[in-house]
Amino acid sequence: QPIGFYGGIDAKTGIVIEKGSELEGECVKDRVLVFPCGKGSTVGSYVIYGLKKNGVAPAAIVNSETETIVATGAILAGIPCIDGIDIEDIETGDRLRIEAGEREAELTKV
């Protein structure tokens, strides 16, 4: 499911608060956050930054398609973000390794 950071994740705790989300109640702190794409308000970029500032940010973000809101937030917060990944075979709880090169990144299940 797409994630709307503004109103969907508490920037102080890192807990997903979006009603009906498959991640509702989960904390994103130090985890690889995998979702198809972002949605919602441009304020979402600042929520991602707030997650980092409050010490509850994800370790990385992995998307099928990273749109501007998520990309901007990841850049502001210094969170690695990978785009163009087939996420269908990734399940909650999977251990992932991200290896970033100069121009590309590779994601593998551990």
N, C-alpha and C. Protein backbone atom coordinates (compact mmCIF):
# COMPACT_ATOMS: atom_id res chain seq x y z
N GLN A 1 0.83 -1.18 0.00
CA GLN A 1 0.00 0.00 0.00
C GLN A 1 0.87 1.25 0.00
N PRO A 2 0.48 2.29 -0.71
CA PRO A 2 1.20 3.56 -0.65
C PRO A 2 1.16 4.13 0.78
N ILE A 3 2.16 4.93 1.12
CA ILE A 3 2.23 5.55 2.44
C ILE A 3 2.11 7.06 2.30
N GLY A 4 1.22 7.63 3.10
CA GLY A 4 1.12 9.08 3.22
C GLY A 4 1.80 9.48 4.52
N PHE A 5 2.94 10.13 4.44
CA PHE A 5 3.69 10.44 5.65
C PHE A 5 2.97 11.47 6.52
N TYR A 6 2.35 12.48 5.89
CA TYR A 6 1.61 13.49 6.66
C TYR A 6 0.29 12.88 7.11
N GLY A 7 0.16 12.63 8.40
CA GLY A 7 -1.05 12.00 8.93
C GLY A 7 -0.98 10.49 8.93
N GLY A 8 0.09 9.94 8.37
CA GLY A 8 0.21 8.48 8.29
C GLY A 8 1.29 7.91 9.19
N ILE A 9 2.29 8.74 9.53
CA ILE A 9 3.36 8.30 10.42
C ILE A 9 3.61 9.40 11.44
N ASP A 10 3.67 9.03 12.70
CA ASP A 10 3.93 9.99 13.77
C ASP A 10 5.42 10.34 13.76
N ALA A 11 5.74 11.59 13.48
CA ALA A 11 7.14 12.02 13.34
C ALA A 11 7.90 11.99 14.67
N LYS A 12 7.20 11.96 15.78
CA LYS A 12 7.88 11.92 17.08
C LYS A 12 8.22 10.50 17.51
N THR A 13 7.38 9.54 17.13
CA THR A 13 7.57 8.15 17.58
C THR A 13 8.01 7.20 16.48
N GLY A 14 7.75 7.57 15.21
CA GLY A 14 8.05 6.69 14.10
C GLY A 14 7.03 5.59 13.90
N ILE A 15 5.90 5.69 14.58
CA ILE A 15 4.86 4.65 14.47
C ILE A 15 3.88 5.02 13.37
N VAL A 16 3.55 4.01 12.55
CA VAL A 16 2.57 4.20 11.48
C VAL A 16 1.19 4.31 12.13
N ILE A 17 0.51 5.42 11.88
CA ILE A 17 -0.79 5.69 12.50
C ILE A 17 -1.92 5.72 11.47
N GLU A 18 -1.60 5.49 10.22
CA GLU A 18 -2.62 5.53 9.17
C GLU A 18 -3.59 4.37 9.35
N LYS A 19 -4.86 4.68 9.56
CA LYS A 19 -5.89 3.67 9.76
C LYS A 19 -6.02 2.79 8.51
N GLY A 20 -6.03 1.49 8.73
CA GLY A 20 -6.20 0.54 7.63
C GLY A 20 -4.91 0.15 6.93
N SER A 21 -3.81 0.82 7.26
CA SER A 21 -2.53 0.46 6.65
C SER A 21 -2.09 -0.89 7.17
N GLU A 22 -1.49 -1.69 6.29
CA GLU A 22 -0.96 -2.99 6.73
C GLU A 22 0.17 -2.81 7.73
N LEU A 23 0.74 -1.61 7.82
CA LEU A 23 1.82 -1.33 8.77
C LEU A 23 1.34 -0.57 10.00
N GLU A 24 0.04 -0.36 10.13
CA GLU A 24 -0.50 0.38 11.27
C GLU A 24 0.01 -0.22 12.59
N GLY A 25 0.56 0.65 13.44
CA GLY A 25 1.08 0.22 14.73
C GLY A 25 2.55 -0.17 14.71
N GLU A 26 3.13 -0.32 13.53
CA GLU A 26 4.55 -0.68 13.40
C GLU A 26 5.42 0.57 13.52
N CYS A 27 6.61 0.41 14.07
CA CYS A 27 7.57 1.50 14.16
C CYS A 27 8.58 1.37 13.02
N VAL A 28 8.87 2.47 12.34
CA VAL A 28 9.78 2.44 11.19
C VAL A 28 11.24 2.64 11.58
N LYS A 29 11.50 2.95 12.85
CA LYS A 29 12.86 3.26 13.30
C LYS A 29 13.84 2.14 12.95
N ASP A 30 14.92 2.52 12.26
CA ASP A 30 16.04 1.63 11.92
C ASP A 30 15.64 0.44 11.05
N ARG A 31 14.51 0.52 10.39
CA ARG A 31 14.06 -0.56 9.50
C ARG A 31 14.15 -0.09 8.05
N VAL A 32 14.22 -1.04 7.15
CA VAL A 32 14.11 -0.72 5.73
C VAL A 32 12.62 -0.62 5.44
N LEU A 33 12.16 0.56 5.09
CA LEU A 33 10.74 0.81 4.86
C LEU A 33 10.44 0.57 3.38
N VAL A 34 9.67 -0.48 3.10
CA VAL A 34 9.38 -0.89 1.73
C VAL A 34 7.90 -0.62 1.45
N PHE A 35 7.64 0.16 0.39
CA PHE A 35 6.27 0.45 -0.02
C PHE A 35 6.29 0.88 -1.48
N PRO A 36 5.16 0.71 -2.18
CA PRO A 36 5.19 0.98 -3.63
C PRO A 36 5.49 2.44 -3.97
N CYS A 37 4.83 3.38 -3.28
CA CYS A 37 5.01 4.80 -3.57
C CYS A 37 4.40 5.61 -2.45
N GLY A 38 4.73 6.88 -2.43
CA GLY A 38 4.14 7.78 -1.45
C GLY A 38 2.83 8.33 -1.97
N LYS A 39 2.12 9.00 -1.07
CA LYS A 39 0.86 9.65 -1.45
C LYS A 39 0.64 10.83 -0.52
N GLY A 40 -0.22 11.73 -0.94
CA GLY A 40 -0.66 12.79 -0.06
C GLY A 40 0.11 14.09 -0.16
N SER A 41 0.08 14.82 0.93
CA SER A 41 0.56 16.20 1.01
C SER A 41 2.07 16.33 0.87
N THR A 42 2.48 17.47 0.32
CA THR A 42 3.91 17.77 0.23
C THR A 42 4.53 17.95 1.61
N VAL A 43 3.72 18.12 2.63
CA VAL A 43 4.23 18.21 4.00
C VAL A 43 4.89 16.88 4.39
N GLY A 44 4.56 15.81 3.68
CA GLY A 44 5.17 14.50 3.94
C GLY A 44 6.69 14.54 3.90
N SER A 45 7.25 15.38 3.04
CA SER A 45 8.72 15.52 2.97
C SER A 45 9.28 15.97 4.32
N TYR A 46 8.58 16.89 4.97
CA TYR A 46 9.03 17.40 6.26
C TYR A 46 8.79 16.40 7.38
N VAL A 47 7.78 15.55 7.22
CA VAL A 47 7.57 14.48 8.20
C VAL A 47 8.75 13.51 8.15
N ILE A 48 9.20 13.17 6.94
CA ILE A 48 10.37 12.28 6.80
C ILE A 48 11.58 12.93 7.47
N TYR A 49 11.78 14.22 7.22
CA TYR A 49 12.87 14.95 7.88
C TYR A 49 12.70 14.93 9.40
N GLY A 50 11.47 15.10 9.86
CA GLY A 50 11.19 15.07 11.30
C GLY A 50 11.49 13.72 11.92
N LEU A 51 11.23 12.65 11.19
CA LEU A 51 11.57 11.31 11.67
C LEU A 51 13.06 11.22 11.96
N LYS A 52 13.86 11.74 11.03
CA LYS A 52 15.32 11.71 11.20
C LYS A 52 15.75 12.59 12.38
N LYS A 53 15.21 13.79 12.43
CA LYS A 53 15.56 14.73 13.49
C LYS A 53 15.22 14.17 14.88
N ASN A 54 14.15 13.39 14.96
CA ASN A 54 13.71 12.82 16.23
C ASN A 54 14.31 11.45 16.52
N GLY A 55 15.20 10.98 15.65
CA GLY A 55 15.88 9.72 15.89
C GLY A 55 15.04 8.48 15.67
N VAL A 56 13.96 8.61 14.88
CA VAL A 56 13.07 7.46 14.65
C VAL A 56 12.88 7.17 13.16
N ALA A 57 13.85 7.57 12.35
CA ALA A 57 13.75 7.40 10.90
C ALA A 57 14.05 5.97 10.48
N PRO A 58 13.52 5.58 9.32
CA PRO A 58 13.91 4.28 8.77
C PRO A 58 15.38 4.30 8.34
N ALA A 59 16.00 3.13 8.30
CA ALA A 59 17.40 3.01 7.86
C ALA A 59 17.50 3.29 6.37
N ALA A 60 16.46 2.94 5.63
CA ALA A 60 16.42 3.15 4.17
C ALA A 60 14.97 3.08 3.72
N ILE A 61 14.72 3.60 2.53
CA ILE A 61 13.40 3.55 1.91
C ILE A 61 13.55 2.85 0.56
N VAL A 62 12.66 1.90 0.29
CA VAL A 62 12.67 1.16 -0.97
C VAL A 62 11.28 1.29 -1.60
N ASN A 63 11.24 1.76 -2.84
CA ASN A 63 9.97 1.97 -3.55
C ASN A 63 9.98 1.32 -4.92
N SER A 64 8.78 0.99 -5.38
CA SER A 64 8.61 0.64 -6.79
C SER A 64 8.79 1.90 -7.62
N GLU A 65 8.17 2.98 -7.14
CA GLU A 65 8.28 4.28 -7.83
C GLU A 65 8.36 5.38 -6.78
N THR A 66 9.51 5.99 -6.65
CA THR A 66 9.68 7.08 -5.69
C THR A 66 9.19 8.37 -6.33
N GLU A 67 8.17 8.97 -5.71
CA GLU A 67 7.69 10.24 -6.24
C GLU A 67 8.36 11.38 -5.49
N THR A 68 8.06 12.59 -5.89
CA THR A 68 8.77 13.78 -5.43
C THR A 68 8.73 13.97 -3.92
N ILE A 69 7.61 13.69 -3.29
CA ILE A 69 7.48 13.91 -1.84
C ILE A 69 8.47 13.04 -1.07
N VAL A 70 8.50 11.76 -1.39
CA VAL A 70 9.40 10.83 -0.70
C VAL A 70 10.85 11.14 -1.05
N ALA A 71 11.12 11.41 -2.32
CA ALA A 71 12.50 11.72 -2.74
C ALA A 71 13.03 12.95 -2.01
N THR A 72 12.23 14.00 -1.94
CA THR A 72 12.65 15.22 -1.26
C THR A 72 12.89 14.97 0.22
N GLY A 73 11.98 14.25 0.86
CA GLY A 73 12.14 13.94 2.28
C GLY A 73 13.38 13.12 2.55
N ALA A 74 13.63 12.13 1.71
CA ALA A 74 14.81 11.28 1.88
C ALA A 74 16.10 12.10 1.72
N ILE A 75 16.11 13.00 0.74
CA ILE A 75 17.29 13.85 0.53
C ILE A 75 17.50 14.77 1.74
N LEU A 76 16.44 15.44 2.19
CA LEU A 76 16.54 16.34 3.34
C LEU A 76 17.05 15.62 4.59
N ALA A 77 16.59 14.37 4.77
CA ALA A 77 16.92 13.60 5.97
C ALA A 77 18.19 12.77 5.82
N GLY A 78 18.72 12.68 4.61
CA GLY A 78 19.90 11.86 4.39
C GLY A 78 19.62 10.37 4.53
N ILE A 79 18.41 9.96 4.15
CA ILE A 79 18.02 8.55 4.22
C ILE A 79 18.21 7.93 2.84
N PRO A 80 18.96 6.83 2.73
CA PRO A 80 19.09 6.17 1.43
C PRO A 80 17.72 5.77 0.90
N CYS A 81 17.50 6.02 -0.38
CA CYS A 81 16.21 5.72 -1.01
C CYS A 81 16.47 5.04 -2.35
N ILE A 82 15.84 3.89 -2.55
CA ILE A 82 16.03 3.12 -3.78
C ILE A 82 14.71 3.08 -4.54
N ASP A 83 14.78 3.35 -5.81
CA ASP A 83 13.62 3.45 -6.70
C ASP A 83 13.68 2.35 -7.76
N GLY A 84 12.51 1.97 -8.26
CA GLY A 84 12.46 1.03 -9.38
C GLY A 84 12.66 -0.42 -8.97
N ILE A 85 12.30 -0.76 -7.74
CA ILE A 85 12.48 -2.11 -7.22
C ILE A 85 11.16 -2.87 -7.29
N ASP A 86 11.21 -4.12 -7.74
CA ASP A 86 10.04 -4.99 -7.70
C ASP A 86 9.89 -5.47 -6.26
N ILE A 87 8.87 -4.97 -5.57
CA ILE A 87 8.73 -5.25 -4.14
C ILE A 87 7.74 -6.38 -3.84
N GLU A 88 7.19 -6.99 -4.87
CA GLU A 88 6.15 -8.01 -4.66
C GLU A 88 6.60 -9.18 -3.80
N ASP A 89 7.86 -9.57 -3.90
CA ASP A 89 8.35 -10.73 -3.15
C ASP A 89 8.92 -10.37 -1.78
N ILE A 90 8.86 -9.10 -1.41
CA ILE A 90 9.38 -8.67 -0.11
C ILE A 90 8.22 -8.64 0.88
N GLU A 91 8.43 -9.28 2.03
CA GLU A 91 7.39 -9.35 3.05
C GLU A 91 7.87 -8.67 4.32
N THR A 92 6.93 -8.20 5.13
CA THR A 92 7.27 -7.60 6.41
C THR A 92 8.09 -8.59 7.23
N GLY A 93 9.21 -8.13 7.74
CA GLY A 93 10.08 -8.98 8.54
C GLY A 93 11.25 -9.56 7.78
N ASP A 94 11.23 -9.48 6.43
CA ASP A 94 12.36 -9.97 5.65
C ASP A 94 13.61 -9.16 6.00
N ARG A 95 14.74 -9.83 6.02
CA ARG A 95 16.02 -9.14 6.21
C ARG A 95 16.57 -8.78 4.84
N LEU A 96 16.93 -7.51 4.67
CA LEU A 96 17.38 -7.01 3.37
C LEU A 96 18.77 -6.41 3.50
N ARG A 97 19.53 -6.53 2.42
CA ARG A 97 20.84 -5.88 2.35
C ARG A 97 20.81 -4.92 1.16
N ILE A 98 21.25 -3.72 1.40
CA ILE A 98 21.31 -2.71 0.34
C ILE A 98 22.76 -2.36 0.12
N GLU A 99 23.21 -2.54 -1.12
CA GLU A 99 24.58 -2.17 -1.48
C GLU A 99 24.50 -1.08 -2.53
N ALA A 100 25.04 0.06 -2.18
CA ALA A 100 24.96 1.21 -3.07
C ALA A 100 26.30 1.46 -3.75
N GLY A 101 26.24 1.60 -5.05
CA GLY A 101 27.42 1.98 -5.82
C GLY A 101 27.34 3.45 -6.15
N GLU A 102 28.21 3.87 -7.05
CA GLU A 102 28.25 5.29 -7.40
C GLU A 102 26.99 5.72 -8.14
N ARG A 103 26.45 4.86 -9.00
CA ARG A 103 25.29 5.24 -9.79
C ARG A 103 24.12 4.28 -9.67
N GLU A 104 24.27 3.21 -8.93
CA GLU A 104 23.17 2.27 -8.80
C GLU A 104 23.22 1.59 -7.44
N ALA A 105 22.10 0.99 -7.08
CA ALA A 105 22.02 0.27 -5.81
C ALA A 105 21.41 -1.09 -6.07
N GLU A 106 21.76 -2.04 -5.23
CA GLU A 106 21.23 -3.39 -5.37
C GLU A 106 20.62 -3.81 -4.04
N LEU A 107 19.46 -4.42 -4.12
CA LEU A 107 18.75 -4.89 -2.94
C LEU A 107 18.65 -6.40 -3.01
N THR A 108 19.06 -7.08 -1.96
CA THR A 108 18.95 -8.54 -1.92
C THR A 108 18.39 -8.97 -0.58
N LYS A 109 17.64 -10.08 -0.60
CA LYS A 109 17.18 -10.68 0.65
C LYS A 109 18.35 -11.38 1.28
N VAL A 110 18.45 -11.31 2.59
CA VAL A 110 19.55 -11.96 3.32
C VAL A 110 19.07 -13.30 3.83
